Amino acid sequence: MKPFAADNVAIITGASSGIGRATALALAERGLRLSLLSRSENALQSVAAQARELGAADVRPFICDVRNEEDVARAFAATAEAFGRIDILINSAGLSLNGEVDGYTLADWQTVLETNLTGTFLTCRAALPLMKQQGGGQIINISSGAGRNGIKQMAAYCAAKFGVIGFTEALGLEVRHHNIRVSALLPGSVATDFARVARRENAAATDQVRDIGYSMTAEEVATAIVAMLAQPPQAWLSEVVLRPLNLDVRRTA
């Protein structure tokens, strides 16, 4: 496995906001070459510009819906063509559509499962051939505290994030002898715009800053991701649980 270094190539899904954006900027500061994937073109272009300003050696933004097999194949093929390798994959794309199971629509169920779980499968599958060919790589799949503990009105999200953990454990065992580290990161509460994504479209909308209580920032989670990537080659952090330390520290989103 190639050591974590400034010439590494990293693909980050969900790169236009939240943990994905923070991770992209953290890796940009270390000079990495970045392939940034998101459905939100304007926000993605903004993050790409920021990454270049912070010192990324090269940045390629790609509009990609991780639920779409063809989108994923195109983005990964373009990344391989541009950089010749893929050293790191960070699966940060995710969403939740909250509601009680009684009355929850199949369309919403499929959206949540396909984005969080199927998207993780598709991107991992796309990255593996090149990682095997080049002799190693690192994959971090972002699950959640909701991947270990059920939360009411978030059954679909919990099911998807439980699934990410199981998928990650199985894949890690499949590819460990190819020098590919596959890890699951389980963050607790994070102050991002995730709650706005989770809000139903027909619910009362507000753009006001909200007190969401104790939480971590996306930048704090990104720091943990960088630390996971920087482990020595023989060290495999297969699962990392990240929790807020001081419950008196309040954050907003």
C-alpha atoms as a PDB file:
ATOM      1  CA  MET A   1       0.000   0.000   0.000  1.00  0.00           C
ATOM      2  CA  LYS A   2       1.327   3.403  -0.954  1.00  0.00           C
ATOM      3  CA  PRO A   3       1.973   5.526   2.152  1.00  0.00           C
ATOM      4  CA  PHE A   4      -0.346   8.450   2.823  1.00  0.00           C
ATOM      5  CA  ALA A   5       1.502  11.251   1.067  1.00  0.00           C
ATOM      6  CA  ALA A   6       1.050  14.488  -0.827  1.00  0.00           C
ATOM      7  CA  ASP A   7       0.979  12.778  -4.221  1.00  0.00           C
ATOM      8  CA  ASN A   8      -1.920  10.501  -3.259  1.00  0.00           C
ATOM      9  CA  VAL A   9      -5.128  10.604  -5.268  1.00  0.00           C
ATOM     10  CA  ALA A  10      -8.312  10.759  -3.206  1.00  0.00           C
ATOM     11  CA  ILE A  11     -11.909  10.398  -4.381  1.00  0.00           C
ATOM     12  CA  ILE A  12     -14.480  11.936  -2.044  1.00  0.00           C
ATOM     13  CA  THR A  13     -18.217  11.467  -2.507  1.00  0.00           C
ATOM     14  CA  GLY A  14     -20.665  13.990  -1.102  1.00  0.00           C
ATOM     15  CA  ALA A  15     -17.842  16.513  -1.456  1.00  0.00           C
ATOM     16  CA  SER A  16     -19.998  19.613  -1.827  1.00  0.00           C
ATOM     17  CA  SER A  17     -21.076  19.855   1.827  1.00  0.00           C
ATOM     18  CA  GLY A  18     -20.708  18.579   5.364  1.00  0.00           C
ATOM     19  CA  ILE A  19     -18.086  15.962   6.177  1.00  0.00           C
ATOM     20  CA  GLY A  20     -17.227  15.434   2.508  1.00  0.00           C
ATOM     21  CA  ARG A  21     -16.452  19.106   1.997  1.00  0.00           C
ATOM     22  CA  ALA A  22     -14.434  19.359   5.212  1.00  0.00           C
ATOM     23  CA  THR A  23     -12.436  16.263   4.280  1.00  0.00           C
ATOM     24  CA  ALA A  24     -11.721  17.590   0.793  1.00  0.00           C
ATOM     25  CA  LEU A  25     -10.357  20.830   2.241  1.00  0.00           C
ATOM     26  CA  ALA A  26      -8.312  18.994   4.895  1.00  0.00           C
ATOM     27  CA  LEU A  27      -6.682  16.827   2.237  1.00  0.00           C
ATOM     28  CA  ALA A  28      -6.178  19.857  -0.016  1.00  0.00           C
ATOM     29  CA  GLU A  29      -4.094  21.465   2.720  1.00  0.00           C
ATOM     30  CA  ARG A  30      -1.822  18.409   2.539  1.00  0.00           C
ATOM     31  CA  GLY A  31      -1.374  18.806  -1.193  1.00  0.00           C
ATOM     32  CA  LEU A  32      -3.263  15.720  -2.359  1.00  0.00           C
ATOM     33  CA  ARG A  33      -4.766  15.307  -5.813  1.00  0.00           C
ATOM     34  CA  LEU A  34      -8.529  15.272  -5.474  1.00  0.00           C
ATOM     35  CA  SER A  35     -11.485  13.873  -7.377  1.00  0.00           C
ATOM     36  CA  LEU A  36     -14.610  15.444  -5.908  1.00  0.00           C
ATOM     37  CA  LEU A  37     -18.031  13.902  -6.525  1.00  0.00           C
ATOM     38  CA  SER A  38     -21.422  15.446  -5.814  1.00  0.00           C
ATOM     39  CA  ARG A  39     -24.835  16.075  -7.377  1.00  0.00           C
ATOM     40  CA  SER A  40     -24.694  19.805  -6.520  1.00  0.00           C
ATOM     41  CA  GLU A  41     -22.728  21.476  -9.309  1.00  0.00           C
ATOM     42  CA  ASN A  42     -22.482  25.033  -7.960  1.00  0.00           C
ATOM     43  CA  ALA A  43     -21.490  23.960  -4.464  1.00  0.00           C
ATOM     44  CA  LEU A  44     -19.036  21.423  -5.879  1.00  0.00           C
ATOM     45  CA  GLN A  45     -17.316  24.035  -8.035  1.00  0.00           C
ATOM     46  CA  SER A  46     -17.004  26.277  -4.974  1.00  0.00           C
ATOM     47  CA  VAL A  47     -15.357  23.514  -2.942  1.00  0.00           C
ATOM     48  CA  ALA A  48     -13.025  22.706  -5.837  1.00  0.00           C
ATOM     49  CA  ALA A  49     -11.927  26.353  -6.009  1.00  0.00           C
ATOM     50  CA  GLN A  50     -11.316  26.423  -2.258  1.00  0.00           C
ATOM     51  CA  ALA A  51      -9.315  23.194  -2.464  1.00  0.00           C
ATOM     52  CA  ARG A  52      -7.060  24.670  -5.132  1.00  0.00           C
ATOM     53  CA  GLU A  53      -6.493  27.789  -3.026  1.00  0.00           C
ATOM     54  CA  LEU A  54      -5.550  25.635  -0.032  1.00  0.00           C
ATOM     55  CA  GLY A  55      -2.839  23.797  -1.953  1.00  0.00           C
ATOM     56  CA  ALA A  56      -4.331  20.722  -3.622  1.00  0.00           C
ATOM     57  CA  ALA A  57      -1.958  19.592  -6.362  1.00  0.00           C
ATOM     58  CA  ASP A  58      -4.873  19.027  -8.739  1.00  0.00           C
ATOM     59  CA  VAL A  59      -8.647  19.012  -8.361  1.00  0.00           C
ATOM     60  CA  ARG A  60     -11.199  17.412 -10.683  1.00  0.00           C
ATOM     61  CA  PRO A  61     -14.900  17.913  -9.816  1.00  0.00           C
ATOM     62  CA  PHE A  62     -17.417  15.447 -11.249  1.00  0.00           C
ATOM     63  CA  ILE A  63     -21.196  15.645 -11.115  1.00  0.00           C
ATOM     64  CA  CYS A  64     -22.164  12.193  -9.903  1.00  0.00           C
ATOM     65  CA  ASP A  65     -25.205  10.614  -8.293  1.00  0.00           C
ATOM     66  CA  VAL A  66     -23.758   7.666  -6.375  1.00  0.00           C
ATOM     67  CA  ARG A  67     -27.067   5.821  -6.799  1.00  0.00           C
ATOM     68  CA  ASN A  68     -26.476   5.705 -10.544  1.00  0.00           C
ATOM     69  CA  GLU A  69     -24.172   2.918 -11.749  1.00  0.00           C
ATOM     70  CA  GLU A  70     -23.309   4.726 -14.978  1.00  0.00           C
ATOM     71  CA  ASP A  71     -22.516   8.002 -13.166  1.00  0.00           C
ATOM     72  CA  VAL A  72     -20.162   6.188 -10.815  1.00  0.00           C
ATOM     73  CA  ALA A  73     -18.450   4.299 -13.630  1.00  0.00           C
ATOM     74  CA  ARG A  74     -17.885   7.528 -15.589  1.00  0.00           C
ATOM     75  CA  ALA A  75     -16.514   9.446 -12.600  1.00  0.00           C
ATOM     76  CA  PHE A  76     -14.090   6.691 -11.621  1.00  0.00           C
ATOM     77  CA  ALA A  77     -12.944   6.121 -15.193  1.00  0.00           C
ATOM     78  CA  ALA A  78     -12.316   9.850 -15.606  1.00  0.00           C
ATOM     79  CA  THR A  79     -10.387   9.944 -12.327  1.00  0.00           C
ATOM     80  CA  ALA A  80      -8.227   7.000 -13.386  1.00  0.00           C
ATOM     81  CA  GLU A  81      -7.583   8.613 -16.762  1.00  0.00           C
ATOM     82  CA  ALA A  82      -6.628  11.941 -15.189  1.00  0.00           C
ATOM     83  CA  PHE A  83      -4.436  10.658 -12.379  1.00  0.00           C
ATOM     84  CA  GLY A  84      -3.490   7.081 -13.278  1.00  0.00           C
ATOM     85  CA  ARG A  85      -4.292   5.749  -9.821  1.00  0.00           C
ATOM     86  CA  ILE A  86      -6.736   5.898  -6.897  1.00  0.00           C
ATOM     87  CA  ASP A  87      -5.142   5.734  -3.451  1.00  0.00           C
ATOM     88  CA  ILE A  88      -8.038   6.812  -1.243  1.00  0.00           C
ATOM     89  CA  LEU A  89     -11.827   6.597  -1.391  1.00  0.00           C
ATOM     90  CA  ILE A  90     -13.926   8.459   1.170  1.00  0.00           C
ATOM     91  CA  ASN A  91     -17.624   7.597   0.988  1.00  0.00           C
ATOM     92  CA  SER A  92     -19.358  10.580   2.549  1.00  0.00           C
ATOM     93  CA  ALA A  93     -22.469  10.925   0.378  1.00  0.00           C
ATOM     94  CA  GLY A  94     -25.569  10.343   2.454  1.00  0.00           C
ATOM     95  CA  LEU A  95     -29.020  11.566   3.368  1.00  0.00           C
ATOM     96  CA  SER A  96     -32.019  10.735   5.502  1.00  0.00           C
ATOM     97  CA  LEU A  97     -35.727  11.230   4.920  1.00  0.00           C
ATOM     98  CA  ASN A  98     -37.290  10.952   8.331  1.00  0.00           C
ATOM     99  CA  GLY A  99     -40.696   9.602   9.219  1.00  0.00           C
ATOM    100  CA  GLU A 100     -42.495   6.807  10.997  1.00  0.00           C
ATOM    101  CA  VAL A 101     -42.525   3.417   9.283  1.00  0.00           C
ATOM    102  CA  ASP A 102     -46.325   3.417   9.308  1.00  0.00           C
ATOM    103  CA  GLY A 103     -46.945   5.517   6.237  1.00  0.00           C
ATOM    104  CA  TYR A 104     -43.325   5.710   5.040  1.00  0.00           C
ATOM    105  CA  THR A 105     -43.257   5.496   1.240  1.00  0.00           C
ATOM    106  CA  LEU A 106     -41.348   2.894  -0.714  1.00  0.00           C
ATOM    107  CA  ALA A 107     -39.843   5.673  -2.844  1.00  0.00           C
ATOM    108  CA  ASP A 108     -38.341   7.345   0.233  1.00  0.00           C
ATOM    109  CA  TRP A 109     -37.078   3.992   1.525  1.00  0.00           C
ATOM    110  CA  GLN A 110     -35.358   3.310  -1.779  1.00  0.00           C
ATOM    111  CA  THR A 111     -33.848   6.804  -1.929  1.00  0.00           C
ATOM    112  CA  VAL A 112     -32.279   6.469   1.522  1.00  0.00           C
ATOM    113  CA  LEU A 113     -31.025   2.905   1.007  1.00  0.00           C
ATOM    114  CA  GLU A 114     -29.704   3.569  -2.480  1.00  0.00           C
ATOM    115  CA  THR A 115     -27.857   6.743  -1.492  1.00  0.00           C
ATOM    116  CA  ASN A 116     -26.260   5.510   1.716  1.00  0.00           C
ATOM    117  CA  LEU A 117     -25.759   1.793   1.066  1.00  0.00           C
ATOM    118  CA  THR A 118     -25.979   1.041  -2.656  1.00  0.00           C
ATOM    119  CA  GLY A 119     -23.883   4.124  -3.411  1.00  0.00           C
ATOM    120  CA  THR A 120     -21.195   2.846  -1.059  1.00  0.00           C
ATOM    121  CA  PHE A 121     -21.236  -0.529  -2.811  1.00  0.00           C
ATOM    122  CA  LEU A 122     -21.015   1.022  -6.285  1.00  0.00           C
ATOM    123  CA  THR A 123     -18.095   3.307  -5.480  1.00  0.00           C
ATOM    124  CA  CYS A 124     -16.135   0.637  -3.620  1.00  0.00           C
ATOM    125  CA  ARG A 125     -16.656  -1.785  -6.490  1.00  0.00           C
ATOM    126  CA  ALA A 126     -15.453   0.846  -8.955  1.00  0.00           C
ATOM    127  CA  ALA A 127     -12.294   1.620  -6.964  1.00  0.00           C
ATOM    128  CA  LEU A 128     -11.161  -1.938  -6.229  1.00  0.00           C
ATOM    129  CA  PRO A 129      -9.756  -3.077  -9.604  1.00  0.00           C
ATOM    130  CA  LEU A 130      -7.287  -0.185  -9.799  1.00  0.00           C
ATOM    131  CA  MET A 131      -6.378  -0.444  -6.118  1.00  0.00           C
ATOM    132  CA  LYS A 132      -5.634  -4.144  -6.562  1.00  0.00           C
ATOM    133  CA  GLN A 133      -3.625  -3.475  -9.709  1.00  0.00           C
ATOM    134  CA  GLN A 134      -1.498  -0.798  -8.052  1.00  0.00           C
ATOM    135  CA  GLY A 135      -0.897  -2.885  -4.915  1.00  0.00           C
ATOM    136  CA  GLY A 136      -3.068  -1.212  -2.300  1.00  0.00           C
ATOM    137  CA  GLY A 137      -5.297   1.621  -1.196  1.00  0.00           C
ATOM    138  CA  GLN A 138      -7.538   2.929   1.551  1.00  0.00           C
ATOM    139  CA  ILE A 139     -11.316   3.131   1.744  1.00  0.00           C
ATOM    140  CA  ILE A 140     -13.247   4.867   4.517  1.00  0.00           C
ATOM    141  CA  ASN A 141     -17.006   4.351   4.509  1.00  0.00           C
ATOM    142  CA  ILE A 142     -18.831   6.811   6.723  1.00  0.00           C
ATOM    143  CA  SER A 143     -21.575   5.118   8.691  1.00  0.00           C
ATOM    144  CA  SER A 144     -23.071   6.751  11.780  1.00  0.00           C
ATOM    145  CA  GLY A 145     -23.913   6.272  15.419  1.00  0.00           C
ATOM    146  CA  ALA A 146     -27.270   5.371  13.882  1.00  0.00           C
ATOM    147  CA  GLY A 147     -25.493   2.367  12.386  1.00  0.00           C
ATOM    148  CA  ARG A 148     -25.292   0.856  15.867  1.00  0.00           C
ATOM    149  CA  ASN A 149     -28.359   2.273  17.609  1.00  0.00           C
ATOM    150  CA  GLY A 150     -31.889   2.593  16.321  1.00  0.00           C
ATOM    151  CA  ILE A 151     -33.469   6.057  16.281  1.00  0.00           C
ATOM    152  CA  LYS A 152     -37.188   6.592  16.005  1.00  0.00           C
ATOM    153  CA  GLN A 153     -38.438   8.058  12.737  1.00  0.00           C
ATOM    154  CA  MET A 154     -35.091   7.178  11.126  1.00  0.00           C
ATOM    155  CA  ALA A 155     -35.647   3.491  10.376  1.00  0.00           C
ATOM    156  CA  ALA A 156     -34.526   3.731   6.751  1.00  0.00           C
ATOM    157  CA  TYR A 157     -31.384   5.662   7.649  1.00  0.00           C
ATOM    158  CA  CYS A 158     -30.543   3.266  10.476  1.00  0.00           C
ATOM    159  CA  ALA A 159     -31.048   0.266   8.185  1.00  0.00           C
ATOM    160  CA  ALA A 160     -28.738   1.806   5.586  1.00  0.00           C
ATOM    161  CA  LYS A 161     -26.022   2.721   8.067  1.00  0.00           C
ATOM    162  CA  PHE A 162     -26.202  -0.668   9.827  1.00  0.00           C
ATOM    163  CA  GLY A 163     -25.751  -2.085   6.332  1.00  0.00           C
ATOM    164  CA  VAL A 164     -22.700   0.077   5.637  1.00  0.00           C
ATOM    165  CA  ILE A 165     -20.987  -1.389   8.694  1.00  0.00           C
ATOM    166  CA  GLY A 166     -21.692  -4.977   7.669  1.00  0.00           C
ATOM    167  CA  PHE A 167     -20.657  -4.309   4.078  1.00  0.00           C
ATOM    168  CA  THR A 168     -17.438  -2.643   5.227  1.00  0.00           C
ATOM    169  CA  GLU A 169     -16.512  -5.504   7.555  1.00  0.00           C
ATOM    170  CA  ALA A 170     -17.065  -8.090   4.818  1.00  0.00           C
ATOM    171  CA  LEU A 171     -15.215  -6.124   2.151  1.00  0.00           C
ATOM    172  CA  GLY A 172     -12.305  -5.449   4.486  1.00  0.00           C
ATOM    173  CA  LEU A 173     -11.789  -9.181   4.960  1.00  0.00           C
ATOM    174  CA  GLU A 174     -11.983  -9.773   1.199  1.00  0.00           C
ATOM    175  CA  VAL A 175      -9.254  -7.298   0.253  1.00  0.00           C
ATOM    176  CA  ARG A 176      -6.907  -7.082   3.238  1.00  0.00           C
ATOM    177  CA  HIS A 177      -4.362  -9.339   1.511  1.00  0.00           C
ATOM    178  CA  HIS A 178      -4.349  -6.951  -1.436  1.00  0.00           C
ATOM    179  CA  ASN A 179      -3.033  -4.298   0.991  1.00  0.00           C
ATOM    180  CA  ILE A 180      -6.342  -2.448   0.862  1.00  0.00           C
ATOM    181  CA  ARG A 181      -7.613  -1.086   4.168  1.00  0.00           C
ATOM    182  CA  VAL A 182     -11.387  -0.735   4.356  1.00  0.00           C
ATOM    183  CA  SER A 183     -12.644   1.087   7.429  1.00  0.00           C
ATOM    184  CA  ALA A 184     -15.958   2.252   8.826  1.00  0.00           C
ATOM    185  CA  LEU A 185     -16.208   5.581  10.611  1.00  0.00           C
ATOM    186  CA  LEU A 186     -19.165   6.033  12.969  1.00  0.00           C
ATOM    187  CA  PRO A 187     -19.537   9.714  13.898  1.00  0.00           C
ATOM    188  CA  GLY A 188     -22.015  10.789  16.525  1.00  0.00           C
ATOM    189  CA  SER A 189     -23.861  14.111  16.252  1.00  0.00           C
ATOM    190  CA  VAL A 190     -22.248  16.464  13.748  1.00  0.00           C
ATOM    191  CA  ALA A 191     -23.253  20.095  13.191  1.00  0.00           C
ATOM    192  CA  THR A 192     -23.917  20.154   9.436  1.00  0.00           C
ATOM    193  CA  ASP A 193     -26.874  20.913   7.180  1.00  0.00           C
ATOM    194  CA  PHE A 194     -27.847  17.223   7.320  1.00  0.00           C
ATOM    195  CA  ALA A 195     -31.054  18.036   9.214  1.00  0.00           C
ATOM    196  CA  ARG A 196     -32.224  20.220   6.342  1.00  0.00           C
ATOM    197  CA  VAL A 197     -31.753  17.274   3.986  1.00  0.00           C
ATOM    198  CA  ALA A 198     -33.704  15.055   6.376  1.00  0.00           C
ATOM    199  CA  ARG A 199     -36.624  17.487   6.618  1.00  0.00           C
ATOM    200  CA  ARG A 200     -39.607  16.481   4.532  1.00  0.00           C
ATOM    201  CA  GLU A 201     -40.234  18.717   1.547  1.00  0.00           C
ATOM    202  CA  ASN A 202     -43.775  19.405   2.712  1.00  0.00           C
ATOM    203  CA  ALA A 203     -42.670  20.336   6.231  1.00  0.00           C
ATOM    204  CA  ALA A 204     -42.393  23.916   7.381  1.00  0.00           C
ATOM    205  CA  ALA A 205     -39.155  25.311   5.956  1.00  0.00           C
ATOM    206  CA  THR A 206     -36.773  27.588   7.788  1.00  0.00           C
ATOM    207  CA  ASP A 207     -33.292  28.797   6.974  1.00  0.00           C
ATOM    208  CA  GLN A 208     -32.689  30.067  10.475  1.00  0.00           C
ATOM    209  CA  VAL A 209     -29.631  28.899  12.370  1.00  0.00           C
ATOM    210  CA  ARG A 210     -30.711  26.207  14.807  1.00  0.00           C
ATOM    211  CA  ASP A 211     -29.261  25.124  18.117  1.00  0.00           C
ATOM    212  CA  ILE A 212     -28.790  21.376  17.669  1.00  0.00           C
ATOM    213  CA  GLY A 213     -27.193  20.764  21.039  1.00  0.00           C
ATOM    214  CA  TYR A 214     -23.910  18.981  21.660  1.00  0.00           C
ATOM    215  CA  SER A 215     -22.137  17.868  18.533  1.00  0.00           C
ATOM    216  CA  MET A 216     -18.893  17.775  16.619  1.00  0.00           C
ATOM    217  CA  THR A 217     -18.094  19.918  13.607  1.00  0.00           C
ATOM    218  CA  ALA A 218     -17.497  18.471  10.171  1.00  0.00           C
ATOM    219  CA  GLU A 219     -13.932  19.764  10.434  1.00  0.00           C
ATOM    220  CA  GLU A 220     -13.379  17.727  13.604  1.00  0.00           C
ATOM    221  CA  VAL A 221     -14.595  14.607  11.824  1.00  0.00           C
ATOM    222  CA  ALA A 222     -12.299  15.389   8.890  1.00  0.00           C
ATOM    223  CA  THR A 223      -9.346  15.555  11.272  1.00  0.00           C
ATOM    224  CA  ALA A 224     -10.194  12.028  12.439  1.00  0.00           C
ATOM    225  CA  ILE A 225     -10.375  10.852   8.822  1.00  0.00           C
ATOM    226  CA  VAL A 226      -6.912  12.264   8.126  1.00  0.00           C
ATOM    227  CA  ALA A 227      -5.590  10.450  11.214  1.00  0.00           C
ATOM    228  CA  MET A 228      -7.102   7.173   9.980  1.00  0.00           C
ATOM    229  CA  LEU A 229      -5.430   7.621   6.606  1.00  0.00           C
ATOM    230  CA  ALA A 230      -2.066   8.356   8.216  1.00  0.00           C
ATOM    231  CA  GLN A 231      -1.758   5.040  10.087  1.00  0.00           C
ATOM    232  CA  PRO A 232       1.318   2.921   9.267  1.00  0.00           C
ATOM    233  CA  PRO A 233       0.751   0.344   6.522  1.00  0.00           C
ATOM    234  CA  GLN A 234       0.355  -2.679   8.813  1.00  0.00           C
ATOM    235  CA  ALA A 235      -2.146  -0.909  11.110  1.00  0.00           C
ATOM    236  CA  TRP A 236      -5.786  -1.350  10.147  1.00  0.00           C
ATOM    237  CA  LEU A 237      -8.354   0.746  11.987  1.00  0.00           C
ATOM    238  CA  SER A 238     -11.253  -1.376  10.797  1.00  0.00           C
ATOM    239  CA  GLU A 239     -13.875   0.602  12.743  1.00  0.00           C
ATOM    240  CA  VAL A 240     -13.674   3.956  14.478  1.00  0.00           C
ATOM    241  CA  VAL A 241     -16.437   5.324  16.707  1.00  0.00           C
ATOM    242  CA  LEU A 242     -16.248   9.100  17.084  1.00  0.00           C
ATOM    243  CA  ARG A 243     -18.321  10.772  19.787  1.00  0.00           C
ATOM    244  CA  PRO A 244     -18.694  14.296  21.158  1.00  0.00           C
ATOM    245  CA  LEU A 245     -16.652  14.617  24.325  1.00  0.00           C
ATOM    246  CA  ASN A 246     -18.141  17.521  26.264  1.00  0.00           C
ATOM    247  CA  LEU A 247     -21.920  17.506  26.259  1.00  0.00           C
ATOM    248  CA  ASP A 248     -21.953  21.110  27.476  1.00  0.00           C
ATOM    249  CA  VAL A 249     -20.409  22.330  24.214  1.00  0.00           C
ATOM    250  CA  ARG A 250     -23.292  23.368  21.978  1.00  0.00           C
ATOM    251  CA  ARG A 251     -23.133  23.785  18.229  1.00  0.00           C
ATOM    252  CA  THR A 252     -25.482  25.137  15.581  1.00  0.00           C
ATOM    253  CA  ALA A 253     -26.413  24.250  12.019  1.00  0.00           C
END
